[in-house]
Amino acid sequence: MPLSEHEQRLLDQLEQQLHAEDPKFAQALSSEAKHSISMRNVVIGVLIVIVGLVGVLGAVALKIFLLGVFGFLVMGGGVYLALAKSKSAPGSQQSTRAGGNGGAKQKGGFMNGLEEKWEERRRQQ
């Protein structure tokens, strides 16, 4: 359920107050939301895990202990890469942080416009 216009304004005011009172805490909260699991990392990680699994299976078939250990380490690295959170470039974080409030207001305005159009269509039917 979307926020009403009044609730959106209150949320924006609370966010501005948080940035004014405790900028470090606000930055920590906003930076955590920006770091997410990258689909690219997941795909590459899964491919690396498959290569490591082939290495382990090959080691079992050929009875080569060191190849099995190496394959297992490769698999672990693939899992780590797949689950690692992506990091944005420092410059892009600054530009996103500076324009964050304006972008949220525009998105809210866009969504409100869509909701108004939807309600108008429902009333006409």
C-alpha atoms as a PDB file:
ATOM      1  CA  MET A   1       0.000   0.000   0.000  1.00  0.00           C
ATOM      2  CA  PRO A   2       1.581   3.294  -1.074  1.00  0.00           C
ATOM      3  CA  LEU A   3       2.055   6.184   1.289  1.00  0.00           C
ATOM      4  CA  SER A   4      -0.318   9.104   1.163  1.00  0.00           C
ATOM      5  CA  GLU A   5       1.021  12.533   0.223  1.00  0.00           C
ATOM      6  CA  HIS A   6       0.981  13.630   3.883  1.00  0.00           C
ATOM      7  CA  GLU A   7       2.833  10.492   5.007  1.00  0.00           C
ATOM      8  CA  GLN A   8       5.417  10.949   2.254  1.00  0.00           C
ATOM      9  CA  ARG A   9       6.053  14.542   3.410  1.00  0.00           C
ATOM     10  CA  LEU A  10       6.433  13.377   7.019  1.00  0.00           C
ATOM     11  CA  LEU A  11       8.867  10.663   5.943  1.00  0.00           C
ATOM     12  CA  ASP A  12      10.920  13.211   3.983  1.00  0.00           C
ATOM     13  CA  GLN A  13      10.999  15.532   7.002  1.00  0.00           C
ATOM     14  CA  LEU A  14      12.159  12.704   9.277  1.00  0.00           C
ATOM     15  CA  GLU A  15      14.879  11.794   6.808  1.00  0.00           C
ATOM     16  CA  GLN A  16      16.087  15.405   6.627  1.00  0.00           C
ATOM     17  CA  GLN A  17      16.125  15.635  10.438  1.00  0.00           C
ATOM     18  CA  LEU A  18      18.128  12.419  10.656  1.00  0.00           C
ATOM     19  CA  HIS A  19      20.691  13.743   8.183  1.00  0.00           C
ATOM     20  CA  ALA A  20      20.914  17.017  10.113  1.00  0.00           C
ATOM     21  CA  GLU A  21      21.190  15.492  13.598  1.00  0.00           C
ATOM     22  CA  ASP A  22      23.396  12.454  12.939  1.00  0.00           C
ATOM     23  CA  PRO A  23      24.978  12.476   9.467  1.00  0.00           C
ATOM     24  CA  LYS A  24      27.286   9.499  10.193  1.00  0.00           C
ATOM     25  CA  PHE A  25      24.377   7.277  11.202  1.00  0.00           C
ATOM     26  CA  ALA A  26      22.315   8.416   8.211  1.00  0.00           C
ATOM     27  CA  GLN A  27      25.251   7.684   5.901  1.00  0.00           C
ATOM     28  CA  ALA A  28      25.677   4.223   7.411  1.00  0.00           C
ATOM     29  CA  LEU A  29      22.010   3.440   6.865  1.00  0.00           C
ATOM     30  CA  SER A  30      21.983   4.702   3.296  1.00  0.00           C
ATOM     31  CA  SER A  31      25.242   2.971   2.327  1.00  0.00           C
ATOM     32  CA  GLU A  32      24.006  -0.437   3.495  1.00  0.00           C
ATOM     33  CA  ALA A  33      20.986  -0.193   1.252  1.00  0.00           C
ATOM     34  CA  LYS A  34      23.169   0.587  -1.771  1.00  0.00           C
ATOM     35  CA  HIS A  35      25.347  -2.494  -1.391  1.00  0.00           C
ATOM     36  CA  SER A  36      23.535  -5.501  -2.732  1.00  0.00           C
ATOM     37  CA  ILE A  37      24.356  -8.826  -4.255  1.00  0.00           C
ATOM     38  CA  SER A  38      25.321  -8.365  -7.892  1.00  0.00           C
ATOM     39  CA  MET A  39      23.823 -10.716 -10.446  1.00  0.00           C
ATOM     40  CA  ARG A  40      27.125 -10.620 -12.331  1.00  0.00           C
ATOM     41  CA  ASN A  41      28.978 -11.822  -9.223  1.00  0.00           C
ATOM     42  CA  VAL A  42      26.439 -14.610  -8.701  1.00  0.00           C
ATOM     43  CA  VAL A  43      26.836 -15.894 -12.265  1.00  0.00           C
ATOM     44  CA  ILE A  44      30.638 -15.763 -12.163  1.00  0.00           C
ATOM     45  CA  GLY A  45      30.653 -17.343  -8.691  1.00  0.00           C
ATOM     46  CA  VAL A  46      28.427 -20.215  -9.818  1.00  0.00           C
ATOM     47  CA  LEU A  47      30.688 -20.833 -12.815  1.00  0.00           C
ATOM     48  CA  ILE A  48      33.727 -20.911 -10.519  1.00  0.00           C
ATOM     49  CA  VAL A  49      31.955 -23.341  -8.184  1.00  0.00           C
ATOM     50  CA  ILE A  50      31.241 -25.617 -11.152  1.00  0.00           C
ATOM     51  CA  VAL A  51      34.914 -25.518 -12.186  1.00  0.00           C
ATOM     52  CA  GLY A  52      35.931 -26.347  -8.604  1.00  0.00           C
ATOM     53  CA  LEU A  53      33.429 -29.205  -8.471  1.00  0.00           C
ATOM     54  CA  VAL A  54      34.831 -30.616 -11.706  1.00  0.00           C
ATOM     55  CA  GLY A  55      38.291 -30.368 -10.115  1.00  0.00           C
ATOM     56  CA  VAL A  56      37.142 -32.257  -7.023  1.00  0.00           C
ATOM     57  CA  LEU A  57      35.446 -34.958  -9.093  1.00  0.00           C
ATOM     58  CA  GLY A  58      38.521 -35.229 -11.306  1.00  0.00           C
ATOM     59  CA  ALA A  59      40.693 -35.567  -8.215  1.00  0.00           C
ATOM     60  CA  VAL A  60      38.535 -38.396  -6.923  1.00  0.00           C
ATOM     61  CA  ALA A  61      38.624 -40.155 -10.302  1.00  0.00           C
ATOM     62  CA  LEU A  62      42.390 -39.723 -10.702  1.00  0.00           C
ATOM     63  CA  LYS A  63      43.144 -40.183  -6.982  1.00  0.00           C
ATOM     64  CA  ILE A  64      45.122 -36.928  -6.803  1.00  0.00           C
ATOM     65  CA  PHE A  65      44.760 -35.454  -3.312  1.00  0.00           C
ATOM     66  CA  LEU A  66      46.216 -31.990  -4.077  1.00  0.00           C
ATOM     67  CA  LEU A  67      43.887 -31.487  -7.047  1.00  0.00           C
ATOM     68  CA  GLY A  68      40.934 -32.221  -4.752  1.00  0.00           C
ATOM     69  CA  VAL A  69      42.118 -29.688  -2.191  1.00  0.00           C
ATOM     70  CA  PHE A  70      42.647 -27.108  -4.927  1.00  0.00           C
ATOM     71  CA  GLY A  71      39.182 -27.805  -6.372  1.00  0.00           C
ATOM     72  CA  PHE A  72      37.632 -27.417  -2.941  1.00  0.00           C
ATOM     73  CA  LEU A  73      39.376 -24.070  -2.434  1.00  0.00           C
ATOM     74  CA  VAL A  74      38.209 -22.917  -5.863  1.00  0.00           C
ATOM     75  CA  MET A  75      34.634 -23.877  -4.925  1.00  0.00           C
ATOM     76  CA  GLY A  76      34.914 -21.902  -1.688  1.00  0.00           C
ATOM     77  CA  GLY A  77      36.172 -18.880  -3.606  1.00  0.00           C
ATOM     78  CA  GLY A  78      33.262 -19.168  -6.029  1.00  0.00           C
ATOM     79  CA  VAL A  79      30.741 -19.243  -3.195  1.00  0.00           C
ATOM     80  CA  TYR A  80      32.424 -16.256  -1.573  1.00  0.00           C
ATOM     81  CA  LEU A  81      32.314 -14.305  -4.845  1.00  0.00           C
ATOM     82  CA  ALA A  82      28.685 -15.223  -5.471  1.00  0.00           C
ATOM     83  CA  LEU A  83      27.602 -14.021  -2.026  1.00  0.00           C
ATOM     84  CA  ALA A  84      29.869 -10.957  -1.857  1.00  0.00           C
ATOM     85  CA  LYS A  85      28.091  -7.628  -1.865  1.00  0.00           C
ATOM     86  CA  SER A  86      28.929  -5.347  -4.755  1.00  0.00           C
ATOM     87  CA  LYS A  87      30.581  -2.025  -4.022  1.00  0.00           C
ATOM     88  CA  SER A  88      29.839   1.066  -6.061  1.00  0.00           C
ATOM     89  CA  ALA A  89      32.558   3.450  -7.122  1.00  0.00           C
ATOM     90  CA  PRO A  90      33.179   6.201  -4.515  1.00  0.00           C
ATOM     91  CA  GLY A  91      32.249   8.956  -6.959  1.00  0.00           C
ATOM     92  CA  SER A  92      28.909   7.373  -7.782  1.00  0.00           C
ATOM     93  CA  GLN A  93      28.008   7.094  -4.089  1.00  0.00           C
ATOM     94  CA  GLN A  94      28.622  10.798  -3.606  1.00  0.00           C
ATOM     95  CA  SER A  95      26.456  11.763  -6.572  1.00  0.00           C
ATOM     96  CA  THR A  96      23.692   9.371  -5.481  1.00  0.00           C
ATOM     97  CA  ARG A  97      23.826  10.630  -1.910  1.00  0.00           C
ATOM     98  CA  ALA A  98      23.656  14.250  -3.004  1.00  0.00           C
ATOM     99  CA  GLY A  99      20.668  13.678  -5.270  1.00  0.00           C
ATOM    100  CA  GLY A 100      18.954  11.083  -3.093  1.00  0.00           C
ATOM    101  CA  ASN A 101      16.239  13.319  -1.658  1.00  0.00           C
ATOM    102  CA  GLY A 102      15.291  14.803  -5.021  1.00  0.00           C
ATOM    103  CA  GLY A 103      15.083  11.374  -6.622  1.00  0.00           C
ATOM    104  CA  ALA A 104      12.781  10.095  -3.891  1.00  0.00           C
ATOM    105  CA  LYS A 105      10.465  13.067  -4.321  1.00  0.00           C
ATOM    106  CA  GLN A 106      10.349  12.611  -8.086  1.00  0.00           C
ATOM    107  CA  LYS A 107       9.603   8.907  -7.716  1.00  0.00           C
ATOM    108  CA  GLY A 108       6.900   9.653  -5.188  1.00  0.00           C
ATOM    109  CA  GLY A 109       5.405  12.247  -7.519  1.00  0.00           C
ATOM    110  CA  PHE A 110       5.514   9.819 -10.426  1.00  0.00           C
ATOM    111  CA  MET A 111       3.852   7.090  -8.379  1.00  0.00           C
ATOM    112  CA  ASN A 112       1.229   9.508  -7.104  1.00  0.00           C
ATOM    113  CA  GLY A 113       0.481  10.504 -10.686  1.00  0.00           C
ATOM    114  CA  LEU A 114       0.054   6.870 -11.704  1.00  0.00           C
ATOM    115  CA  GLU A 115      -2.196   6.228  -8.726  1.00  0.00           C
ATOM    116  CA  GLU A 116      -4.345   9.240  -9.600  1.00  0.00           C
ATOM    117  CA  LYS A 117      -4.698   8.036 -13.200  1.00  0.00           C
ATOM    118  CA  TRP A 118      -5.615   4.547 -11.985  1.00  0.00           C
ATOM    119  CA  GLU A 119      -8.259   5.904  -9.609  1.00  0.00           C
ATOM    120  CA  GLU A 120      -9.668   8.130 -12.356  1.00  0.00           C
ATOM    121  CA  ARG A 121      -9.995   5.143 -14.704  1.00  0.00           C
ATOM    122  CA  ARG A 122     -11.722   3.108 -11.994  1.00  0.00           C
ATOM    123  CA  ARG A 123     -14.211   5.932 -11.379  1.00  0.00           C
ATOM    124  CA  GLN A 124     -15.010   6.167 -15.094  1.00  0.00           C
ATOM    125  CA  GLN A 125     -15.920   2.481 -15.377  1.00  0.00           C
END
